[in-house]
Amino acid sequence: MIGADAIRGHIDLIVLALLEAGPSYAYEISRTITDRSRGEYTIKQTTLYTAVKRLQSQDLLDSYEDLSPTGKPRTYYRLTPAGLEQLDAKREEWRSTRALVDHFADGKDAP
């Protein structure tokens, strides 16, 4: 199981990346994170809602009301053009972070 501390700085990247495929609502985002991580990480609802609200306040996401496939009313979130740009920046930041951590984890000097 991956701890929340290991993921904390990357929640925005995860949410933005999932919404790149299309709009989704919070429960579906949460379920997708758990499914794609094969149960290794389960996001807390408060963590997810905090991230979504933060991304909305930065105009990286917008929202709209619609019915879920089961007919229940849901708030759907989708990327804005600025959100797509931020996703690209977050992906590059992740690549750099991963390379740096890998070097230390492998016992090497930084690149």
C-alpha atoms as a PDB file:
ATOM      1  CA  MET A   1       0.000   0.000   0.000  1.00  0.00           C
ATOM      2  CA  ILE A   2       1.332   3.433  -0.934  1.00  0.00           C
ATOM      3  CA  GLY A   3       1.045   6.008   1.828  1.00  0.00           C
ATOM      4  CA  ALA A   4      -0.647   9.359   1.386  1.00  0.00           C
ATOM      5  CA  ASP A   5       2.606  11.180   2.167  1.00  0.00           C
ATOM      6  CA  ALA A   6       4.270   9.661  -0.898  1.00  0.00           C
ATOM      7  CA  ILE A   7       1.441  10.835  -3.165  1.00  0.00           C
ATOM      8  CA  ARG A   8       0.527  14.165  -1.552  1.00  0.00           C
ATOM      9  CA  GLY A   9       2.485  16.431  -3.901  1.00  0.00           C
ATOM     10  CA  HIS A  10       1.173  14.657  -6.978  1.00  0.00           C
ATOM     11  CA  ILE A  11      -2.598  14.647  -6.454  1.00  0.00           C
ATOM     12  CA  ASP A  12      -3.083  17.539  -8.877  1.00  0.00           C
ATOM     13  CA  LEU A  13      -1.193  15.660 -11.599  1.00  0.00           C
ATOM     14  CA  ILE A  14      -3.272  12.529 -11.006  1.00  0.00           C
ATOM     15  CA  VAL A  15      -6.595  14.393 -11.139  1.00  0.00           C
ATOM     16  CA  LEU A  16      -5.637  16.461 -14.185  1.00  0.00           C
ATOM     17  CA  ALA A  17      -4.369  13.364 -16.005  1.00  0.00           C
ATOM     18  CA  LEU A  18      -7.579  11.440 -15.334  1.00  0.00           C
ATOM     19  CA  LEU A  19      -9.706  14.327 -16.572  1.00  0.00           C
ATOM     20  CA  GLU A  20      -7.674  14.576 -19.772  1.00  0.00           C
ATOM     21  CA  ALA A  21      -9.687  11.583 -21.010  1.00  0.00           C
ATOM     22  CA  GLY A  22     -12.943  13.450 -20.412  1.00  0.00           C
ATOM     23  CA  PRO A  23     -15.243  14.837 -17.718  1.00  0.00           C
ATOM     24  CA  SER A  24     -15.861  12.844 -14.572  1.00  0.00           C
ATOM     25  CA  TYR A  25     -17.435  13.209 -11.131  1.00  0.00           C
ATOM     26  CA  ALA A  26     -15.688  12.841  -7.774  1.00  0.00           C
ATOM     27  CA  TYR A  27     -16.792   9.307  -6.917  1.00  0.00           C
ATOM     28  CA  GLU A  28     -15.786   8.065 -10.359  1.00  0.00           C
ATOM     29  CA  ILE A  29     -12.398   9.803 -10.102  1.00  0.00           C
ATOM     30  CA  SER A  30     -11.833   8.200  -6.699  1.00  0.00           C
ATOM     31  CA  ARG A  31     -12.815   4.752  -7.955  1.00  0.00           C
ATOM     32  CA  THR A  32     -10.587   5.137 -11.022  1.00  0.00           C
ATOM     33  CA  ILE A  33      -7.596   6.036  -8.852  1.00  0.00           C
ATOM     34  CA  THR A  34      -8.127   2.947  -6.708  1.00  0.00           C
ATOM     35  CA  ASP A  35      -8.712   0.700  -9.730  1.00  0.00           C
ATOM     36  CA  ARG A  36      -5.748   1.934 -11.767  1.00  0.00           C
ATOM     37  CA  SER A  37      -3.430   1.669  -8.772  1.00  0.00           C
ATOM     38  CA  ARG A  38      -4.699  -1.909  -8.291  1.00  0.00           C
ATOM     39  CA  GLY A  39      -5.678  -0.990  -4.754  1.00  0.00           C
ATOM     40  CA  GLU A  40      -2.211   0.322  -3.850  1.00  0.00           C
ATOM     41  CA  TYR A  41      -3.613   3.814  -3.261  1.00  0.00           C
ATOM     42  CA  THR A  42      -7.062   4.914  -2.191  1.00  0.00           C
ATOM     43  CA  ILE A  43      -7.637   8.651  -2.117  1.00  0.00           C
ATOM     44  CA  LYS A  44      -9.612  10.074   0.775  1.00  0.00           C
ATOM     45  CA  GLN A  45     -12.714  11.967  -0.276  1.00  0.00           C
ATOM     46  CA  THR A  46     -11.578  15.067   1.610  1.00  0.00           C
ATOM     47  CA  THR A  47      -8.232  14.985  -0.204  1.00  0.00           C
ATOM     48  CA  LEU A  48      -9.954  14.665  -3.563  1.00  0.00           C
ATOM     49  CA  TYR A  49     -12.497  17.418  -2.922  1.00  0.00           C
ATOM     50  CA  THR A  50      -9.767  19.746  -1.626  1.00  0.00           C
ATOM     51  CA  ALA A  51      -7.740  19.138  -4.786  1.00  0.00           C
ATOM     52  CA  VAL A  52     -10.734  19.646  -7.081  1.00  0.00           C
ATOM     53  CA  LYS A  53     -11.699  22.908  -5.351  1.00  0.00           C
ATOM     54  CA  ARG A  54      -8.087  24.138  -5.502  1.00  0.00           C
ATOM     55  CA  LEU A  55      -7.853  23.304  -9.221  1.00  0.00           C
ATOM     56  CA  GLN A  56     -11.163  25.065  -9.844  1.00  0.00           C
ATOM     57  CA  SER A  57     -10.026  28.176  -7.972  1.00  0.00           C
ATOM     58  CA  GLN A  58      -6.965  28.259 -10.245  1.00  0.00           C
ATOM     59  CA  ASP A  59      -9.243  27.990 -13.322  1.00  0.00           C
ATOM     60  CA  LEU A  60      -7.692  24.641 -14.247  1.00  0.00           C
ATOM     61  CA  LEU A  61     -11.032  22.820 -13.965  1.00  0.00           C
ATOM     62  CA  ASP A  62     -14.608  23.833 -14.438  1.00  0.00           C
ATOM     63  CA  SER A  63     -17.740  21.983 -13.443  1.00  0.00           C
ATOM     64  CA  TYR A  64     -21.295  21.376 -14.560  1.00  0.00           C
ATOM     65  CA  GLU A  65     -24.293  19.421 -13.347  1.00  0.00           C
ATOM     66  CA  ASP A  66     -25.487  16.324 -15.201  1.00  0.00           C
ATOM     67  CA  LEU A  67     -26.870  12.856 -14.553  1.00  0.00           C
ATOM     68  CA  SER A  68     -24.559   9.923 -13.926  1.00  0.00           C
ATOM     69  CA  PRO A  69     -25.027   6.689 -15.892  1.00  0.00           C
ATOM     70  CA  THR A  70     -27.252   5.494 -13.022  1.00  0.00           C
ATOM     71  CA  GLY A  71     -29.448   8.574 -13.350  1.00  0.00           C
ATOM     72  CA  LYS A  72     -28.245  10.314 -10.185  1.00  0.00           C
ATOM     73  CA  PRO A  73     -27.432  14.017 -10.437  1.00  0.00           C
ATOM     74  CA  ARG A  74     -23.681  14.626 -10.250  1.00  0.00           C
ATOM     75  CA  THR A  75     -21.227  17.479 -10.483  1.00  0.00           C
ATOM     76  CA  TYR A  76     -18.856  16.720 -13.341  1.00  0.00           C
ATOM     77  CA  TYR A  77     -15.383  18.230 -13.621  1.00  0.00           C
ATOM     78  CA  ARG A  78     -13.452  18.875 -16.805  1.00  0.00           C
ATOM     79  CA  LEU A  79     -10.139  20.390 -17.808  1.00  0.00           C
ATOM     80  CA  THR A  80      -9.981  23.963 -19.001  1.00  0.00           C
ATOM     81  CA  PRO A  81      -7.394  24.991 -21.616  1.00  0.00           C
ATOM     82  CA  ALA A  82      -5.253  26.304 -18.736  1.00  0.00           C
ATOM     83  CA  GLY A  83      -5.708  22.925 -17.016  1.00  0.00           C
ATOM     84  CA  LEU A  84      -4.353  21.131 -20.064  1.00  0.00           C
ATOM     85  CA  GLU A  85      -1.298  23.423 -20.061  1.00  0.00           C
ATOM     86  CA  GLN A  86      -0.829  22.797 -16.336  1.00  0.00           C
ATOM     87  CA  LEU A  87      -1.056  19.048 -16.942  1.00  0.00           C
ATOM     88  CA  ASP A  88       1.834  19.282 -19.400  1.00  0.00           C
ATOM     89  CA  ALA A  89       3.870  21.284 -16.867  1.00  0.00           C
ATOM     90  CA  LYS A  90       3.055  18.819 -14.064  1.00  0.00           C
ATOM     91  CA  ARG A  91       4.097  15.889 -16.249  1.00  0.00           C
ATOM     92  CA  GLU A  92       7.453  17.506 -16.943  1.00  0.00           C
ATOM     93  CA  GLU A  93       7.889  18.287 -13.251  1.00  0.00           C
ATOM     94  CA  TRP A  94       7.125  14.625 -12.456  1.00  0.00           C
ATOM     95  CA  ARG A  95       9.707  13.369 -14.952  1.00  0.00           C
ATOM     96  CA  SER A  96      12.372  15.587 -13.366  1.00  0.00           C
ATOM     97  CA  THR A  97      11.353  14.605  -9.832  1.00  0.00           C
ATOM     98  CA  ARG A  98      11.338  10.910 -10.673  1.00  0.00           C
ATOM     99  CA  ALA A  99      14.789  11.124 -12.283  1.00  0.00           C
ATOM    100  CA  LEU A 100      16.234  12.908  -9.259  1.00  0.00           C
ATOM    101  CA  VAL A 101      14.695  10.517  -6.715  1.00  0.00           C
ATOM    102  CA  ASP A 102      15.776   7.497  -8.802  1.00  0.00           C
ATOM    103  CA  HIS A 103      19.380   8.708  -8.729  1.00  0.00           C
ATOM    104  CA  PHE A 104      19.348   8.997  -4.954  1.00  0.00           C
ATOM    105  CA  ALA A 105      17.452   5.744  -4.475  1.00  0.00           C
ATOM    106  CA  ASP A 106      19.987   3.980  -6.693  1.00  0.00           C
ATOM    107  CA  GLY A 107      22.842   5.448  -4.623  1.00  0.00           C
ATOM    108  CA  LYS A 108      24.092   7.776  -7.352  1.00  0.00           C
ATOM    109  CA  ASP A 109      24.805  11.479  -7.494  1.00  0.00           C
ATOM    110  CA  ALA A 110      22.111  13.760  -8.884  1.00  0.00           C
ATOM    111  CA  PRO A 111      21.977  14.013 -12.682  1.00  0.00           C
END
